[in-house]
PDB file of N, CA and C in Angstrom:
ATOM      1  N   MET A   1       0.516  -1.072  -0.172  1.00  0.00           N
ATOM      2  CA  MET A   1       0.009  -0.114  -0.010  1.00  0.00           C
ATOM      3  C   MET A   1       0.809   1.166  -0.053  1.00  0.00           C
ATOM      4  N   LEU A   2       0.610   2.174  -1.015  1.00  0.00           N
ATOM      5  CA  LEU A   2       1.349   3.572  -0.870  1.00  0.00           C
ATOM      6  C   LEU A   2       0.813   4.415   0.325  1.00  0.00           C
ATOM      7  N   PRO A   3       1.885   5.051   0.738  1.00  0.00           N
ATOM      8  CA  PRO A   3       1.396   6.505   1.767  1.00  0.00           C
ATOM      9  C   PRO A   3       0.470   7.110   0.928  1.00  0.00           C
ATOM     10  N   ILE A   4      -0.248   8.024   1.847  1.00  0.00           N
ATOM     11  CA  ILE A   4      -1.196   9.167   1.491  1.00  0.00           C
ATOM     12  C   ILE A   4      -0.263  10.276   1.618  1.00  0.00           C
ATOM     13  N   VAL A   5      -0.209  11.163   0.661  1.00  0.00           N
ATOM     14  CA  VAL A   5       0.434  12.309   0.784  1.00  0.00           C
ATOM     15  C   VAL A   5      -0.454  13.555   0.573  1.00  0.00           C
ATOM     16  N   LEU A   6      -0.123  14.157   1.361  1.00  0.00           N
ATOM     17  CA  LEU A   6      -1.312  15.221   1.504  1.00  0.00           C
ATOM     18  C   LEU A   6      -0.642  16.758   0.792  1.00  0.00           C
ATOM     19  N   LEU A   7      -1.497  17.246  -0.020  1.00  0.00           N
ATOM     20  CA  LEU A   7      -0.895  18.049  -0.414  1.00  0.00           C
ATOM     21  C   LEU A   7      -1.777  19.281  -0.161  1.00  0.00           C
ATOM     22  N   ASP A   8      -1.176  20.749   0.123  1.00  0.00           N
ATOM     23  CA  ASP A   8      -1.756  21.816   0.445  1.00  0.00           C
ATOM     24  C   ASP A   8      -2.553  22.055  -0.628  1.00  0.00           C
ATOM     25  N   ARG A   9      -3.991  21.995  -0.526  1.00  0.00           N
ATOM     26  CA  ARG A   9      -4.987  22.332  -1.745  1.00  0.00           C
ATOM     27  C   ARG A   9      -5.692  23.486  -1.277  1.00  0.00           C
ATOM     28  N   THR A  10      -5.133  24.419  -0.040  1.00  0.00           N
ATOM     29  CA  THR A  10      -6.095  25.268   0.445  1.00  0.00           C
ATOM     30  C   THR A  10      -6.561  26.159  -0.531  1.00  0.00           C
ATOM     31  N   ASP A  11      -5.690  26.319  -1.874  1.00  0.00           N
ATOM     32  CA  ASP A  11      -6.255  27.454  -2.659  1.00  0.00           C
ATOM     33  C   ASP A  11      -7.291  26.882  -3.699  1.00  0.00           C
ATOM     34  N   ALA A  12      -7.628  25.656  -3.382  1.00  0.00           N
ATOM     35  CA  ALA A  12      -8.644  24.948  -4.125  1.00  0.00           C
ATOM     36  C   ALA A  12      -9.854  24.826  -3.253  1.00  0.00           C
ATOM     37  N   LEU A  13      -9.736  24.805  -1.998  1.00  0.00           N
ATOM     38  CA  LEU A  13     -10.748  24.386  -1.096  1.00  0.00           C
ATOM     39  C   LEU A  13     -11.391  25.622  -0.303  1.00  0.00           C
ATOM     40  N   ALA A  14     -12.525  25.810   0.124  1.00  0.00           N
ATOM     41  CA  ALA A  14     -12.786  26.853   0.719  1.00  0.00           C
ATOM     42  C   ALA A  14     -12.695  26.301   2.478  1.00  0.00           C
ATOM     43  N   PRO A  15     -12.090  27.202   3.219  1.00  0.00           N
ATOM     44  CA  PRO A  15     -12.011  27.104   4.598  1.00  0.00           C
ATOM     45  C   PRO A  15     -13.079  27.084   5.454  1.00  0.00           C
ATOM     46  N   ALA A  16     -13.421  26.271   6.306  1.00  0.00           N
ATOM     47  CA  ALA A  16     -14.192  26.399   7.457  1.00  0.00           C
ATOM     48  C   ALA A  16     -13.744  27.768   8.147  1.00  0.00           C
ATOM     49  N   LEU A  17     -14.580  28.356   8.819  1.00  0.00           N
ATOM     50  CA  LEU A  17     -14.303  29.730   9.378  1.00  0.00           C
ATOM     51  C   LEU A  17     -15.148  29.564  10.658  1.00  0.00           C
ATOM     52  N   ASP A  18     -14.262  30.363  11.850  1.00  0.00           N
ATOM     53  CA  ASP A  18     -14.680  30.391  13.083  1.00  0.00           C
ATOM     54  C   ASP A  18     -14.064  31.394  13.945  1.00  0.00           C
ATOM     55  N   ARG A  19     -14.394  31.640  15.139  1.00  0.00           N
ATOM     56  CA  ARG A  19     -13.746  32.587  15.888  1.00  0.00           C
ATOM     57  C   ARG A  19     -14.016  31.702  17.408  1.00  0.00           C
ATOM     58  N   PRO A  20     -13.041  32.108  18.177  1.00  0.00           N
ATOM     59  CA  PRO A  20     -13.038  31.502  19.716  1.00  0.00           C
ATOM     60  C   PRO A  20     -14.398  32.088  20.283  1.00  0.00           C
ATOM     61  N   ARG A  21     -14.859  30.952  20.904  1.00  0.00           N
ATOM     62  CA  ARG A  21     -16.138  31.354  21.635  1.00  0.00           C
ATOM     63  C   ARG A  21     -15.834  32.256  22.659  1.00  0.00           C
ATOM     64  N   PRO A  22     -16.675  33.390  22.717  1.00  0.00           N
ATOM     65  CA  PRO A  22     -16.881  34.515  23.533  1.00  0.00           C
ATOM     66  C   PRO A  22     -16.369  34.207  25.197  1.00  0.00           C
ATOM     67  N   ASP A  23     -16.749  33.116  25.629  1.00  0.00           N
ATOM     68  CA  ASP A  23     -16.396  32.890  27.182  1.00  0.00           C
ATOM     69  C   ASP A  23     -15.108  32.201  27.261  1.00  0.00           C
ATOM     70  N   ARG A  24     -14.404  31.992  26.165  1.00  0.00           N
ATOM     71  CA  ARG A  24     -12.680  31.637  26.379  1.00  0.00           C
ATOM     72  C   ARG A  24     -11.876  32.866  25.858  1.00  0.00           C
ATOM     73  N   LEU A  25     -12.510  33.899  25.231  1.00  0.00           N
ATOM     74  CA  LEU A  25     -11.476  34.814  24.807  1.00  0.00           C
ATOM     75  C   LEU A  25     -10.901  35.541  25.876  1.00  0.00           C
ATOM     76  N   VAL A  26      -9.459  35.761  25.584  1.00  0.00           N
ATOM     77  CA  VAL A  26      -8.528  36.446  26.642  1.00  0.00           C
ATOM     78  C   VAL A  26      -8.232  37.873  26.332  1.00  0.00           C
ATOM     79  N   ALA A  27      -7.776  37.675  24.461  1.00  0.00           N
ATOM     80  CA  ALA A  27      -7.283  38.964  24.041  1.00  0.00           C
ATOM     81  C   ALA A  27      -7.901  38.598  22.562  1.00  0.00           C
ATOM     82  N   GLY A  28      -8.416  40.098  21.709  1.00  0.00           N
ATOM     83  CA  GLY A  28      -8.411  39.868  20.340  1.00  0.00           C
ATOM     84  C   GLY A  28     -10.196  39.176  20.377  1.00  0.00           C
ATOM     85  N   ASN A  29     -10.143  39.095  19.015  1.00  0.00           N
ATOM     86  CA  ASN A  29     -11.389  37.859  18.429  1.00  0.00           C
ATOM     87  C   ASN A  29     -11.001  37.500  16.953  1.00  0.00           C
ATOM     88  N   PRO A  30      -9.902  37.121  16.757  1.00  0.00           N
ATOM     89  CA  PRO A  30      -9.430  36.496  15.894  1.00  0.00           C
ATOM     90  C   PRO A  30     -10.234  35.748  14.977  1.00  0.00           C
ATOM     91  N   LEU A  31     -10.251  35.823  13.466  1.00  0.00           N
ATOM     92  CA  LEU A  31     -10.534  34.684  12.696  1.00  0.00           C
ATOM     93  C   LEU A  31      -9.745  33.743  12.337  1.00  0.00           C
ATOM     94  N   ARG A  32     -10.368  32.793  12.565  1.00  0.00           N
ATOM     95  CA  ARG A  32      -9.679  31.200  12.260  1.00  0.00           C
ATOM     96  C   ARG A  32     -10.306  30.665  10.919  1.00  0.00           C
ATOM     97  N   GLN A  33      -9.219  29.904  10.283  1.00  0.00           N
ATOM     98  CA  GLN A  33      -9.555  29.224   9.046  1.00  0.00           C
ATOM     99  C   GLN A  33      -8.825  28.014   9.115  1.00  0.00           C
ATOM    100  N   THR A  34      -9.965  26.949   8.716  1.00  0.00           N
ATOM    101  CA  THR A  34      -9.281  25.611   8.792  1.00  0.00           C
ATOM    102  C   THR A  34      -9.447  24.758   7.597  1.00  0.00           C
ATOM    103  N   TRP A  35      -8.784  24.132   7.257  1.00  0.00           N
ATOM    104  CA  TRP A  35      -9.160  23.562   5.686  1.00  0.00           C
ATOM    105  C   TRP A  35      -8.769  21.845   6.228  1.00  0.00           C
ATOM    106  N   VAL A  36      -9.778  21.281   6.267  1.00  0.00           N
ATOM    107  CA  VAL A  36      -9.393  19.674   6.574  1.00  0.00           C
ATOM    108  C   VAL A  36      -9.137  18.754   5.047  1.00  0.00           C
ATOM    109  N   LEU A  37      -8.017  18.438   5.153  1.00  0.00           N
ATOM    110  CA  LEU A  37      -7.300  17.524   4.015  1.00  0.00           C
ATOM    111  C   LEU A  37      -7.589  16.216   3.896  1.00  0.00           C
ATOM    112  N   HIS A  38      -7.617  15.823   5.337  1.00  0.00           N
ATOM    113  CA  HIS A  38      -7.667  14.232   5.651  1.00  0.00           C
ATOM    114  C   HIS A  38      -8.274  14.138   6.850  1.00  0.00           C
ATOM    115  N   GLU A  39      -9.575  13.045   6.951  1.00  0.00           N
ATOM    116  CA  GLU A  39     -10.165  12.535   7.877  1.00  0.00           C
ATOM    117  C   GLU A  39     -10.401  10.910   7.675  1.00  0.00           C
ATOM    118  N   ALA A  40      -9.924  10.056   8.647  1.00  0.00           N
ATOM    119  CA  ALA A  40      -9.691   8.515   8.645  1.00  0.00           C
ATOM    120  C   ALA A  40      -9.940   8.314  10.078  1.00  0.00           C
ATOM    121  N   GLY A  41     -10.981   7.673  10.777  1.00  0.00           N
ATOM    122  CA  GLY A  41     -11.077   7.011  11.851  1.00  0.00           C
ATOM    123  C   GLY A  41     -10.729   8.517  13.147  1.00  0.00           C
ATOM    124  N   PRO A  42      -9.680   7.812  13.883  1.00  0.00           N
ATOM    125  CA  PRO A  42      -9.820   9.351  14.830  1.00  0.00           C
ATOM    126  C   PRO A  42      -8.548   9.933  14.421  1.00  0.00           C
ATOM    127  N   VAL A  43      -8.023   9.873  13.142  1.00  0.00           N
ATOM    128  CA  VAL A  43      -7.356  11.171  12.814  1.00  0.00           C
ATOM    129  C   VAL A  43      -7.668  12.062  11.684  1.00  0.00           C
ATOM    130  N   THR A  44      -7.651  13.293  12.248  1.00  0.00           N
ATOM    131  CA  THR A  44      -8.138  14.445  11.221  1.00  0.00           C
ATOM    132  C   THR A  44      -6.801  15.305  10.763  1.00  0.00           C
ATOM    133  N   ALA A  45      -6.548  15.599   9.498  1.00  0.00           N
ATOM    134  CA  ALA A  45      -5.157  16.428   9.262  1.00  0.00           C
ATOM    135  C   ALA A  45      -5.462  17.882   8.171  1.00  0.00           C
ATOM    136  N   GLY A  46      -4.716  18.545   8.683  1.00  0.00           N
ATOM    137  CA  GLY A  46      -5.167  19.666   7.567  1.00  0.00           C
ATOM    138  C   GLY A  46      -4.269  20.837   7.625  1.00  0.00           C
ATOM    139  N   VAL A  47      -4.719  21.859   7.443  1.00  0.00           N
ATOM    140  CA  VAL A  47      -4.109  23.482   7.805  1.00  0.00           C
ATOM    141  C   VAL A  47      -4.788  24.362   8.433  1.00  0.00           C
ATOM    142  N   TRP A  48      -4.091  25.244   9.021  1.00  0.00           N
ATOM    143  CA  TRP A  48      -4.849  26.016   9.856  1.00  0.00           C
ATOM    144  C   TRP A  48      -4.119  27.518   9.850  1.00  0.00           C
ATOM    145  N   ALA A  49      -5.040  28.610   9.709  1.00  0.00           N
ATOM    146  CA  ALA A  49      -4.636  29.852   9.711  1.00  0.00           C
ATOM    147  C   ALA A  49      -5.401  30.791  10.864  1.00  0.00           C
ATOM    148  N   CYS A  50      -4.601  31.615  11.340  1.00  0.00           N
ATOM    149  CA  CYS A  50      -5.470  32.613  12.115  1.00  0.00           C
ATOM    150  C   CYS A  50      -4.802  33.922  12.526  1.00  0.00           C
ATOM    151  N   GLU A  51      -5.310  34.602  12.779  1.00  0.00           N
ATOM    152  CA  GLU A  51      -5.177  36.229  12.976  1.00  0.00           C
ATOM    153  C   GLU A  51      -4.938  36.194  14.249  1.00  0.00           C
ATOM    154  N   PRO A  52      -3.930  37.525  14.912  1.00  0.00           N
ATOM    155  CA  PRO A  52      -3.562  37.546  16.292  1.00  0.00           C
ATOM    156  C   PRO A  52      -4.729  37.552  17.046  1.00  0.00           C
ATOM    157  N   GLY A  53      -4.487  36.698  18.523  1.00  0.00           N
ATOM    158  CA  GLY A  53      -5.402  36.596  19.380  1.00  0.00           C
ATOM    159  C   GLY A  53      -5.184  35.767  20.450  1.00  0.00           C
ATOM    160  N   ARG A  54      -6.153  35.517  21.566  1.00  0.00           N
ATOM    161  CA  ARG A  54      -5.482  34.486  22.802  1.00  0.00           C
ATOM    162  C   ARG A  54      -6.615  33.982  23.325  1.00  0.00           C
ATOM    163  N   TRP A  55      -6.819  32.663  23.658  1.00  0.00           N
ATOM    164  CA  TRP A  55      -8.162  32.391  24.124  1.00  0.00           C
ATOM    165  C   TRP A  55      -7.611  31.292  25.022  1.00  0.00           C
ATOM    166  N   ARG A  56      -8.814  30.766  26.098  1.00  0.00           N
ATOM    167  CA  ARG A  56      -8.627  29.465  26.651  1.00  0.00           C
ATOM    168  C   ARG A  56      -9.065  28.232  25.950  1.00  0.00           C
ATOM    169  N   ILE A  57      -7.926  27.146  26.290  1.00  0.00           N
ATOM    170  CA  ILE A  57      -8.362  26.024  25.392  1.00  0.00           C
ATOM    171  C   ILE A  57      -8.227  24.580  26.395  1.00  0.00           C
ATOM    172  N   VAL A  58      -9.324  23.786  26.179  1.00  0.00           N
ATOM    173  CA  VAL A  58      -9.207  22.573  27.031  1.00  0.00           C
ATOM    174  C   VAL A  58      -9.485  21.355  26.033  1.00  0.00           C
ATOM    175  N   PHE A  59      -8.434  20.518  26.315  1.00  0.00           N
ATOM    176  CA  PHE A  59      -8.219  19.434  25.237  1.00  0.00           C
ATOM    177  C   PHE A  59      -8.643  18.365  26.128  1.00  0.00           C
ATOM    178  N   PRO A  60      -9.905  17.496  25.631  1.00  0.00           N
ATOM    179  CA  PRO A  60     -10.269  16.527  26.402  1.00  0.00           C
ATOM    180  C   PRO A  60      -9.375  15.194  26.403  1.00  0.00           C
ATOM    181  N   ALA A  61      -9.308  14.362  27.522  1.00  0.00           N
ATOM    182  CA  ALA A  61      -8.137  13.480  27.827  1.00  0.00           C
ATOM    183  C   ALA A  61      -8.085  12.401  26.860  1.00  0.00           C
ATOM    184  N   THR A  62      -9.000  12.511  25.495  1.00  0.00           N
ATOM    185  CA  THR A  62      -9.020  11.360  24.466  1.00  0.00           C
ATOM    186  C   THR A  62      -8.391  12.108  23.287  1.00  0.00           C
ATOM    187  N   ARG A  63      -7.984  13.466  23.238  1.00  0.00           N
ATOM    188  CA  ARG A  63      -7.605  14.194  22.428  1.00  0.00           C
ATOM    189  C   ARG A  63      -6.254  14.646  22.332  1.00  0.00           C
ATOM    190  N   GLN A  64      -5.353  14.704  21.171  1.00  0.00           N
ATOM    191  CA  GLN A  64      -4.055  15.477  21.129  1.00  0.00           C
ATOM    192  C   GLN A  64      -3.640  16.152  19.903  1.00  0.00           C
ATOM    193  N   GLU A  65      -2.868  16.946  19.701  1.00  0.00           N
ATOM    194  CA  GLU A  65      -2.515  17.818  18.406  1.00  0.00           C
ATOM    195  C   GLU A  65      -1.041  17.546  18.364  1.00  0.00           C
ATOM    196  N   TYR A  66      -0.660  17.429  17.144  1.00  0.00           N
ATOM    197  CA  TYR A  66       0.710  17.715  16.779  1.00  0.00           C
ATOM    198  C   TYR A  66       0.436  18.564  15.675  1.00  0.00           C
ATOM    199  N   PHE A  67       1.436  19.770  15.809  1.00  0.00           N
ATOM    200  CA  PHE A  67       1.285  20.911  14.800  1.00  0.00           C
ATOM    201  C   PHE A  67       2.626  21.335  14.518  1.00  0.00           C
ATOM    202  N   HIS A  68       2.559  21.837  13.100  1.00  0.00           N
ATOM    203  CA  HIS A  68       4.155  22.682  12.753  1.00  0.00           C
ATOM    204  C   HIS A  68       3.734  23.827  12.084  1.00  0.00           C
ATOM    205  N   VAL A  69       4.669  24.623  12.603  1.00  0.00           N
ATOM    206  CA  VAL A  69       3.957  26.231  12.344  1.00  0.00           C
ATOM    207  C   VAL A  69       5.000  26.439  10.780  1.00  0.00           C
ATOM    208  N   LEU A  70       4.206  26.710   9.676  1.00  0.00           N
ATOM    209  CA  LEU A  70       4.575  27.055   8.662  1.00  0.00           C
ATOM    210  C   LEU A  70       5.261  28.837   8.639  1.00  0.00           C
ATOM    211  N   SER A  71       4.340  29.450   9.077  1.00  0.00           N
ATOM    212  CA  SER A  71       5.055  30.779   9.218  1.00  0.00           C
ATOM    213  C   SER A  71       4.103  31.339  10.403  1.00  0.00           C
ATOM    214  N   GLY A  72       4.691  32.552  10.916  1.00  0.00           N
ATOM    215  CA  GLY A  72       4.032  33.201  12.117  1.00  0.00           C
ATOM    216  C   GLY A  72       4.473  32.496  13.458  1.00  0.00           C
ATOM    217  N   GLN A  73       3.694  33.071  14.442  1.00  0.00           N
ATOM    218  CA  GLN A  73       4.474  32.669  16.002  1.00  0.00           C
ATOM    219  C   GLN A  73       2.945  32.128  16.923  1.00  0.00           C
ATOM    220  N   VAL A  74       3.051  31.217  17.629  1.00  0.00           N
ATOM    221  CA  VAL A  74       2.313  31.048  18.307  1.00  0.00           C
ATOM    222  C   VAL A  74       3.088  30.749  19.866  1.00  0.00           C
ATOM    223  N   ARG A  75       2.106  31.126  20.680  1.00  0.00           N
ATOM    224  CA  ARG A  75       2.778  30.834  22.174  1.00  0.00           C
ATOM    225  C   ARG A  75       1.638  29.884  23.081  1.00  0.00           C
ATOM    226  N   LEU A  76       1.948  28.483  23.526  1.00  0.00           N
ATOM    227  CA  LEU A  76       1.120  28.007  24.536  1.00  0.00           C
ATOM    228  C   LEU A  76       1.269  28.329  25.880  1.00  0.00           C
ATOM    229  N   HIS A  77       0.222  28.936  26.607  1.00  0.00           N
ATOM    230  CA  HIS A  77       0.666  28.835  27.895  1.00  0.00           C
ATOM    231  C   HIS A  77       0.052  27.807  28.769  1.00  0.00           C
ATOM    232  N   GLY A  78       0.872  27.034  29.690  1.00  0.00           N
ATOM    233  CA  GLY A  78       0.523  26.036  30.205  1.00  0.00           C
ATOM    234  C   GLY A  78       0.699  26.232  31.780  1.00  0.00           C
ATOM    235  N   PRO A  79       0.378  25.307  32.641  1.00  0.00           N
ATOM    236  CA  PRO A  79       0.698  25.103  34.011  1.00  0.00           C
ATOM    237  C   PRO A  79       2.330  25.480  34.392  1.00  0.00           C
ATOM    238  N   GLN A  80       3.018  24.941  33.398  1.00  0.00           N
ATOM    239  CA  GLN A  80       4.735  25.085  33.641  1.00  0.00           C
ATOM    240  C   GLN A  80       4.926  26.498  32.752  1.00  0.00           C
ATOM    241  N   GLY A  81       4.296  27.117  32.545  1.00  0.00           N
ATOM    242  CA  GLY A  81       4.918  28.420  31.845  1.00  0.00           C
ATOM    243  C   GLY A  81       4.559  28.676  30.191  1.00  0.00           C
ATOM    244  N   ALA A  82       5.079  29.442  29.478  1.00  0.00           N
ATOM    245  CA  ALA A  82       4.821  29.790  28.276  1.00  0.00           C
ATOM    246  C   ALA A  82       5.721  28.967  27.119  1.00  0.00           C
ATOM    247  N   THR A  83       5.363  28.436  26.243  1.00  0.00           N
ATOM    248  CA  THR A  83       6.498  28.298  25.216  1.00  0.00           C
ATOM    249  C   THR A  83       6.131  28.719  23.722  1.00  0.00           C
ATOM    250  N   ASP A  84       6.983  29.389  23.362  1.00  0.00           N
ATOM    251  CA  ASP A  84       6.961  29.937  21.837  1.00  0.00           C
ATOM    252  C   ASP A  84       7.235  28.881  20.943  1.00  0.00           C
ATOM    253  N   ILE A  85       6.342  29.008  19.676  1.00  0.00           N
ATOM    254  CA  ILE A  85       6.713  28.085  18.725  1.00  0.00           C
ATOM    255  C   ILE A  85       6.794  28.607  17.299  1.00  0.00           C
ATOM    256  N   GLY A  86       7.617  28.897  16.419  1.00  0.00           N
ATOM    257  CA  GLY A  86       7.877  29.762  15.276  1.00  0.00           C
ATOM    258  C   GLY A  86       8.066  28.538  13.639  1.00  0.00           C
ATOM    259  N   PRO A  87       8.189  29.571  12.955  1.00  0.00           N
ATOM    260  CA  PRO A  87       8.575  28.899  11.818  1.00  0.00           C
ATOM    261  C   PRO A  87       9.147  27.584  11.767  1.00  0.00           C
ATOM    262  N   GLY A  88       9.036  26.668  11.170  1.00  0.00           N
ATOM    263  CA  GLY A  88       9.784  25.479  10.829  1.00  0.00           C
ATOM    264  C   GLY A  88       9.713  24.571  12.399  1.00  0.00           C
ATOM    265  N   GLN A  89       9.116  25.145  13.339  1.00  0.00           N
ATOM    266  CA  GLN A  89       9.095  24.365  14.556  1.00  0.00           C
ATOM    267  C   GLN A  89       7.818  23.439  14.642  1.00  0.00           C
ATOM    268  N   GLY A  90       7.658  22.495  15.519  1.00  0.00           N
ATOM    269  CA  GLY A  90       6.379  22.036  15.720  1.00  0.00           C
ATOM    270  C   GLY A  90       6.284  21.882  17.325  1.00  0.00           C
ATOM    271  N   GLY A  91       4.880  21.406  17.465  1.00  0.00           N
ATOM    272  CA  GLY A  91       4.524  21.121  18.685  1.00  0.00           C
ATOM    273  C   GLY A  91       3.544  20.225  19.221  1.00  0.00           C
ATOM    274  N   VAL A  92       3.119  19.615  20.508  1.00  0.00           N
ATOM    275  CA  VAL A  92       2.076  18.782  20.595  1.00  0.00           C
ATOM    276  C   VAL A  92       1.699  19.347  22.060  1.00  0.00           C
ATOM    277  N   ILE A  93       0.184  19.544  21.647  1.00  0.00           N
ATOM    278  CA  ILE A  93      -0.722  19.568  22.728  1.00  0.00           C
ATOM    279  C   ILE A  93      -1.016  18.255  23.410  1.00  0.00           C
ATOM    280  N   PRO A  94      -0.936  17.894  24.610  1.00  0.00           N
ATOM    281  CA  PRO A  94      -1.350  16.693  24.919  1.00  0.00           C
ATOM    282  C   PRO A  94      -2.803  16.287  25.459  1.00  0.00           C
ATOM    283  N   PRO A  95      -3.222  15.526  25.470  1.00  0.00           N
ATOM    284  CA  PRO A  95      -4.454  14.905  26.016  1.00  0.00           C
ATOM    285  C   PRO A  95      -4.552  15.725  27.783  1.00  0.00           C
ATOM    286  N   GLY A  96      -5.585  16.133  27.708  1.00  0.00           N
ATOM    287  CA  GLY A  96      -5.942  16.852  29.012  1.00  0.00           C
ATOM    288  C   GLY A  96      -5.391  18.221  29.036  1.00  0.00           C
ATOM    289  N   PHE A  97      -4.665  18.555  28.237  1.00  0.00           N
ATOM    290  CA  PHE A  97      -4.075  20.042  28.299  1.00  0.00           C
ATOM    291  C   PHE A  97      -5.020  21.309  28.805  1.00  0.00           C
ATOM    292  N   GLU A  98      -4.919  21.771  29.663  1.00  0.00           N
ATOM    293  CA  GLU A  98      -5.560  23.202  30.092  1.00  0.00           C
ATOM    294  C   GLU A  98      -4.789  24.304  30.069  1.00  0.00           C
ATOM    295  N   GLY A  99      -5.316  25.217  29.037  1.00  0.00           N
ATOM    296  CA  GLY A  99      -4.334  26.697  29.156  1.00  0.00           C
ATOM    297  C   GLY A  99      -4.526  27.339  28.254  1.00  0.00           C
ATOM    298  N   GLU A 100      -3.998  28.086  27.449  1.00  0.00           N
ATOM    299  CA  GLU A 100      -4.045  29.270  26.940  1.00  0.00           C
ATOM    300  C   GLU A 100      -3.469  29.416  25.316  1.00  0.00           C
ATOM    301  N   PHE A 101      -3.978  29.348  24.254  1.00  0.00           N
ATOM    302  CA  PHE A 101      -3.601  29.435  22.983  1.00  0.00           C
ATOM    303  C   PHE A 101      -3.430  31.053  22.387  1.00  0.00           C
ATOM    304  N   GLU A 102      -2.472  31.021  21.914  1.00  0.00           N
ATOM    305  CA  GLU A 102      -2.111  32.742  21.800  1.00  0.00           C
ATOM    306  C   GLU A 102      -1.384  32.771  20.500  1.00  0.00           C
ATOM    307  N   VAL A 103      -2.045  33.490  19.425  1.00  0.00           N
ATOM    308  CA  VAL A 103      -1.493  33.639  17.963  1.00  0.00           C
ATOM    309  C   VAL A 103      -0.686  35.210  18.335  1.00  0.00           C
ATOM    310  N   VAL A 104       0.679  35.094  18.300  1.00  0.00           N
ATOM    311  CA  VAL A 104       1.468  36.218  18.430  1.00  0.00           C
ATOM    312  C   VAL A 104       1.365  37.224  17.172  1.00  0.00           C
ATOM    313  N   THR A 105       1.745  36.291  16.134  1.00  0.00           N
ATOM    314  CA  THR A 105       1.612  36.827  14.889  1.00  0.00           C
ATOM    315  C   THR A 105       0.967  36.276  13.903  1.00  0.00           C
ATOM    316  N   PRO A 106       0.262  36.403  12.615  1.00  0.00           N
ATOM    317  CA  PRO A 106      -0.485  35.542  11.962  1.00  0.00           C
ATOM    318  C   PRO A 106       0.190  34.473  11.621  1.00  0.00           C
ATOM    319  N   VAL A 107      -0.957  33.276  11.650  1.00  0.00           N
ATOM    320  CA  VAL A 107      -0.190  32.040  11.687  1.00  0.00           C
ATOM    321  C   VAL A 107      -0.892  31.220  10.643  1.00  0.00           C
ATOM    322  N   ARG A 108       0.361  30.356  10.263  1.00  0.00           N
ATOM    323  CA  ARG A 108      -0.369  29.149   9.128  1.00  0.00           C
ATOM    324  C   ARG A 108       0.419  28.062   9.835  1.00  0.00           C
ATOM    325  N   LYS A 109      -0.423  26.860   9.732  1.00  0.00           N
ATOM    326  CA  LYS A 109       0.047  25.858  10.458  1.00  0.00           C
ATOM    327  C   LYS A 109      -0.523  24.357   9.767  1.00  0.00           C
ATOM    328  N   GLN A 110       0.032  23.433  10.081  1.00  0.00           N
ATOM    329  CA  GLN A 110      -0.170  22.047   9.551  1.00  0.00           C
ATOM    330  C   GLN A 110      -0.592  21.488  10.785  1.00  0.00           C
ATOM    331  N   PHE A 111      -1.448  20.604  11.234  1.00  0.00           N
ATOM    332  CA  PHE A 111      -1.961  19.949  12.044  1.00  0.00           C
ATOM    333  C   PHE A 111      -2.726  18.674  11.842  1.00  0.00           C
ATOM    334  N   VAL A 112      -2.255  17.738  13.023  1.00  0.00           N
ATOM    335  CA  VAL A 112      -2.700  16.119  12.986  1.00  0.00           C
ATOM    336  C   VAL A 112      -3.337  16.311  14.421  1.00  0.00           C
ATOM    337  N   LEU A 113      -4.754  15.807  14.169  1.00  0.00           N
ATOM    338  CA  LEU A 113      -5.264  15.246  15.580  1.00  0.00           C
ATOM    339  C   LEU A 113      -5.817  14.330  15.570  1.00  0.00           C
ATOM    340  N   VAL A 114      -5.488  13.458  16.703  1.00  0.00           N
ATOM    341  CA  VAL A 114      -5.833  12.414  17.269  1.00  0.00           C
ATOM    342  C   VAL A 114      -6.846  12.143  18.371  1.00  0.00           C
ATOM    343  N   ASP A 115      -8.076  11.694  17.991  1.00  0.00           N
ATOM    344  CA  ASP A 115      -9.045  11.446  18.895  1.00  0.00           C
ATOM    345  C   ASP A 115      -9.153   9.762  19.433  1.00  0.00           C
ATOM    346  N   THR A 116      -8.563   9.492  20.522  1.00  0.00           N
ATOM    347  CA  THR A 116      -8.962   8.163  20.562  1.00  0.00           C
ATOM    348  C   THR A 116     -10.390   7.910  21.507  1.00  0.00           C
ATOM    349  N   ALA A 117     -11.320   8.576  21.336  1.00  0.00           N
ATOM    350  CA  ALA A 117     -12.943   8.214  21.521  1.00  0.00           C
ATOM    351  C   ALA A 117     -13.562   8.455  20.226  1.00  0.00           C
ATOM    352  N   ALA A 118     -12.860   8.246  19.286  1.00  0.00           N
ATOM    353  CA  ALA A 118     -13.821   8.120  18.037  1.00  0.00           C
ATOM    354  C   ALA A 118     -13.707   6.747  17.333  1.00  0.00           C
TER     355      ALA A 118
END
């Protein structure tokens, strides 16, 4: 079986648009764009872009995310402090993570979500 290669088809697909829930906003009201490029069982992968802003996040114990920043900068605020992640760097949001996600400069990232409850 050949591996699946995800191509960045964001120029051909309309993104899903949303903003953080008002009760989770810390700063700004950023527009978020999500292009889902692959869904199979517990795995979802795609591209995500967002304007600067900051909001609270709570990951279920059954969900985790790996992401790779293509451009811009994000900052994850967790119990042990803040971590900056910029172009060419990746990060993992572990299961059960509670903290804040901050987009410092407009960001574009690739993401892989794994939800073991699916």
